[in-house]
């Protein structure tokens, strides 16, 4: 799957964002998701492997409830998708 160009969603100018999970919000949700993915990518690059990466992400984002999201983010960033 191809990733949309960086900034595409923000450029659409949406006033309301309805995520797949979580509360409805405004454009700030796009910025917070971009920041999350940038931080996860940094953690994936900096950790030596699977268990260490998961531990680092859980420590950085202690409120994450979707374990599957952690796994998919690790796989995507490890593969260079983000």
N, C-alpha and C. Protein backbone atom coordinates (compact mmCIF):
# COMPACT_ATOMS: atom_id res chain seq x y z
N UNK A 1 0.84 -1.16 0.00
CA UNK A 1 0.00 0.00 0.00
C UNK A 1 0.89 1.24 0.00
N UNK A 2 0.55 2.19 -0.86
CA UNK A 2 1.32 3.43 -0.91
C UNK A 2 0.82 4.41 0.13
N UNK A 3 1.73 5.15 0.67
CA UNK A 3 1.41 6.16 1.67
C UNK A 3 1.08 7.47 0.98
N UNK A 4 0.08 8.22 1.47
CA UNK A 4 -0.22 9.51 0.84
C UNK A 4 0.92 10.49 1.08
N UNK A 5 1.07 11.47 0.20
CA UNK A 5 2.15 12.46 0.38
C UNK A 5 2.02 13.17 1.73
N UNK A 6 3.17 13.49 2.31
CA UNK A 6 3.19 14.19 3.59
C UNK A 6 2.45 15.52 3.46
N UNK A 7 1.61 15.81 4.40
CA UNK A 7 0.87 17.07 4.41
C UNK A 7 -0.44 17.04 3.64
N UNK A 8 -0.73 15.95 2.97
CA UNK A 8 -1.95 15.88 2.15
C UNK A 8 -3.20 16.10 2.98
N UNK A 9 -3.34 15.41 4.09
CA UNK A 9 -4.56 15.51 4.88
C UNK A 9 -4.71 16.90 5.48
N UNK A 10 -3.64 17.48 5.95
CA UNK A 10 -3.71 18.83 6.50
C UNK A 10 -4.10 19.83 5.40
N UNK A 11 -3.60 19.62 4.18
CA UNK A 11 -3.89 20.53 3.07
C UNK A 11 -5.36 20.48 2.65
N UNK A 12 -6.07 19.42 3.00
CA UNK A 12 -7.48 19.32 2.64
C UNK A 12 -8.34 20.32 3.40
N UNK A 13 -7.82 20.81 4.53
CA UNK A 13 -8.52 21.84 5.28
C UNK A 13 -9.75 21.38 6.04
N UNK A 14 -9.79 20.14 6.43
CA UNK A 14 -10.94 19.62 7.16
C UNK A 14 -11.08 20.30 8.52
N UNK A 15 -12.31 20.62 8.87
CA UNK A 15 -12.59 21.22 10.17
C UNK A 15 -12.87 20.16 11.22
N UNK A 16 -13.30 18.98 10.77
CA UNK A 16 -13.63 17.89 11.69
C UNK A 16 -12.99 16.61 11.17
N UNK A 17 -12.33 15.88 12.07
CA UNK A 17 -11.68 14.62 11.74
C UNK A 17 -12.39 13.52 12.54
N UNK A 18 -12.78 12.46 11.86
CA UNK A 18 -13.43 11.32 12.50
C UNK A 18 -12.49 10.13 12.35
N UNK A 19 -11.68 9.86 13.38
CA UNK A 19 -10.72 8.76 13.28
C UNK A 19 -11.42 7.40 13.39
N UNK A 20 -10.69 6.36 13.05
CA UNK A 20 -11.22 5.01 13.17
C UNK A 20 -11.46 4.61 14.61
N UNK A 21 -10.77 5.24 15.53
CA UNK A 21 -10.99 5.04 16.96
C UNK A 21 -10.59 6.32 17.65
N UNK A 22 -11.10 6.55 18.81
CA UNK A 22 -10.82 7.79 19.52
C UNK A 22 -11.90 8.83 19.25
N UNK A 23 -11.74 9.95 19.90
CA UNK A 23 -12.74 11.01 19.83
C UNK A 23 -12.64 11.79 18.52
N UNK A 24 -13.77 12.31 18.09
CA UNK A 24 -13.81 13.22 16.95
C UNK A 24 -13.11 14.50 17.36
N UNK A 25 -12.37 15.10 16.45
CA UNK A 25 -11.66 16.33 16.77
C UNK A 25 -11.43 17.17 15.53
N UNK A 26 -10.53 18.11 15.67
CA UNK A 26 -10.21 19.00 14.57
C UNK A 26 -8.87 18.65 13.94
N UNK A 27 -8.32 19.59 13.17
CA UNK A 27 -7.07 19.36 12.46
C UNK A 27 -5.89 18.99 13.38
N UNK A 28 -6.02 19.30 14.65
CA UNK A 28 -4.94 18.95 15.59
C UNK A 28 -4.72 17.44 15.65
N UNK A 29 -5.74 16.66 15.32
CA UNK A 29 -5.58 15.20 15.31
C UNK A 29 -4.56 14.76 14.26
N UNK A 30 -4.52 15.46 13.14
CA UNK A 30 -3.55 15.12 12.10
C UNK A 30 -2.15 15.38 12.61
N UNK A 31 -1.95 16.53 13.25
CA UNK A 31 -0.63 16.86 13.80
C UNK A 31 -0.21 15.88 14.88
N UNK A 32 -1.15 15.47 15.73
CA UNK A 32 -0.77 14.55 16.81
C UNK A 32 -0.44 13.17 16.24
N UNK A 33 -1.14 12.73 15.21
CA UNK A 33 -0.83 11.44 14.59
C UNK A 33 0.52 11.48 13.88
N UNK A 34 0.81 12.59 13.21
CA UNK A 34 2.11 12.74 12.54
C UNK A 34 3.23 12.71 13.58
N UNK A 35 3.04 13.38 14.71
CA UNK A 35 4.05 13.39 15.77
C UNK A 35 4.23 11.99 16.35
N UNK A 36 3.12 11.27 16.54
CA UNK A 36 3.19 9.90 17.06
C UNK A 36 4.01 9.02 16.12
N UNK A 37 3.71 9.08 14.83
CA UNK A 37 4.42 8.22 13.88
C UNK A 37 5.89 8.61 13.76
N UNK A 38 6.20 9.88 13.85
CA UNK A 38 7.60 10.31 13.83
C UNK A 38 8.35 9.76 15.04
N UNK A 39 7.71 9.80 16.20
CA UNK A 39 8.35 9.28 17.42
C UNK A 39 8.49 7.76 17.37
N UNK A 40 7.47 7.06 16.89
CA UNK A 40 7.57 5.61 16.76
C UNK A 40 8.69 5.24 15.79
N UNK A 41 8.79 5.96 14.68
CA UNK A 41 9.86 5.70 13.71
C UNK A 41 11.23 5.88 14.37
N UNK A 42 11.35 6.94 15.18
CA UNK A 42 12.62 7.19 15.88
C UNK A 42 12.93 6.05 16.85
N UNK A 43 11.92 5.58 17.58
CA UNK A 43 12.11 4.49 18.53
C UNK A 43 12.47 3.19 17.82
N UNK A 44 11.83 2.92 16.69
CA UNK A 44 12.14 1.71 15.92
C UNK A 44 13.59 1.75 15.44
N UNK A 45 14.02 2.90 14.94
CA UNK A 45 15.41 3.03 14.46
C UNK A 45 16.41 2.89 15.61
N UNK A 46 16.03 3.34 16.81
CA UNK A 46 16.96 3.36 17.93
C UNK A 46 17.01 2.10 18.77
N UNK A 47 16.04 1.23 18.62
CA UNK A 47 16.00 0.02 19.44
C UNK A 47 16.65 -1.14 18.69
N UNK A 48 17.32 -2.02 19.43
CA UNK A 48 18.01 -3.12 18.77
C UNK A 48 17.11 -4.22 18.21
N UNK A 49 15.89 -4.33 18.69
CA UNK A 49 15.05 -5.41 18.17
C UNK A 49 13.66 -5.39 18.73
N UNK A 50 12.88 -6.41 18.39
CA UNK A 50 11.46 -6.51 18.70
C UNK A 50 11.05 -6.18 20.12
N UNK A 51 11.51 -6.94 21.08
CA UNK A 51 11.07 -6.74 22.47
C UNK A 51 11.49 -5.37 22.99
N UNK A 52 12.70 -4.95 22.66
CA UNK A 52 13.18 -3.64 23.11
C UNK A 52 12.37 -2.51 22.48
N UNK A 53 11.99 -2.69 21.22
CA UNK A 53 11.18 -1.68 20.53
C UNK A 53 9.82 -1.57 21.20
N UNK A 54 9.17 -2.69 21.46
CA UNK A 54 7.86 -2.68 22.11
C UNK A 54 7.94 -2.01 23.48
N UNK A 55 8.97 -2.33 24.24
CA UNK A 55 9.15 -1.74 25.57
C UNK A 55 9.33 -0.23 25.46
N UNK A 56 10.12 0.22 24.50
CA UNK A 56 10.37 1.65 24.32
C UNK A 56 9.08 2.38 23.94
N UNK A 57 8.29 1.80 23.05
CA UNK A 57 7.04 2.44 22.63
C UNK A 57 6.05 2.48 23.79
N UNK A 58 5.93 1.39 24.52
CA UNK A 58 5.01 1.37 25.67
C UNK A 58 5.43 2.37 26.75
N UNK A 59 6.73 2.52 26.94
CA UNK A 59 7.22 3.48 27.94
C UNK A 59 6.95 4.91 27.49
N UNK A 60 7.10 5.18 26.21
CA UNK A 60 6.89 6.52 25.67
C UNK A 60 5.42 6.88 25.60
N UNK A 61 4.56 5.89 25.32
CA UNK A 61 3.12 6.10 25.18
C UNK A 61 2.38 5.15 26.13
N UNK A 62 2.43 5.40 27.44
CA UNK A 62 1.87 4.46 28.41
C UNK A 62 0.35 4.28 28.31
N UNK A 63 -0.36 5.19 27.70
CA UNK A 63 -1.81 5.06 27.61
C UNK A 63 -2.31 4.31 26.39
N UNK A 64 -1.41 3.83 25.56
CA UNK A 64 -1.85 3.11 24.35
C UNK A 64 -2.60 1.84 24.73
N UNK A 65 -3.78 1.70 24.18
CA UNK A 65 -4.60 0.55 24.51
C UNK A 65 -4.65 -0.47 23.37
N UNK A 66 -4.31 -0.08 22.17
CA UNK A 66 -4.42 -0.96 21.02
C UNK A 66 -3.09 -1.64 20.74
N UNK A 67 -2.92 -2.82 21.28
CA UNK A 67 -1.68 -3.56 21.10
C UNK A 67 -1.40 -3.82 19.62
N UNK A 68 -2.44 -4.06 18.86
CA UNK A 68 -2.28 -4.28 17.43
C UNK A 68 -1.71 -3.06 16.73
N UNK A 69 -2.04 -1.87 17.22
CA UNK A 69 -1.50 -0.65 16.63
C UNK A 69 0.00 -0.55 16.86
N UNK A 70 0.47 -0.99 18.01
CA UNK A 70 1.91 -0.99 18.29
C UNK A 70 2.61 -1.93 17.32
N UNK A 71 2.06 -3.12 17.15
CA UNK A 71 2.67 -4.10 16.25
C UNK A 71 2.69 -3.61 14.81
N UNK A 72 1.57 -3.06 14.34
CA UNK A 72 1.53 -2.60 12.95
C UNK A 72 2.46 -1.41 12.74
N UNK A 73 2.58 -0.53 13.73
CA UNK A 73 3.49 0.60 13.59
C UNK A 73 4.94 0.13 13.54
N UNK A 74 5.29 -0.85 14.37
CA UNK A 74 6.66 -1.39 14.34
C UNK A 74 6.95 -1.97 12.97
N UNK A 75 6.04 -2.77 12.46
CA UNK A 75 6.26 -3.40 11.15
C UNK A 75 6.36 -2.35 10.05
N UNK A 76 5.49 -1.36 10.07
CA UNK A 76 5.51 -0.33 9.03
C UNK A 76 6.81 0.48 9.08
N UNK A 77 7.21 0.89 10.26
CA UNK A 77 8.41 1.71 10.37
C UNK A 77 9.68 0.90 10.12
N UNK A 78 9.68 -0.33 10.53
CA UNK A 78 10.84 -1.20 10.28
C UNK A 78 11.00 -1.43 8.78
N UNK A 79 9.88 -1.47 8.06
CA UNK A 79 9.92 -1.69 6.60
C UNK A 79 10.14 -0.39 5.85
N UNK A 80 10.17 0.74 6.58
CA UNK A 80 10.39 2.02 5.93
C UNK A 80 9.15 2.63 5.30
N UNK A 81 7.97 2.19 5.74
CA UNK A 81 6.73 2.68 5.15
C UNK A 81 6.38 4.08 5.59
N UNK A 82 6.93 4.54 6.73
CA UNK A 82 6.58 5.89 7.22
C UNK A 82 7.80 6.75 7.29
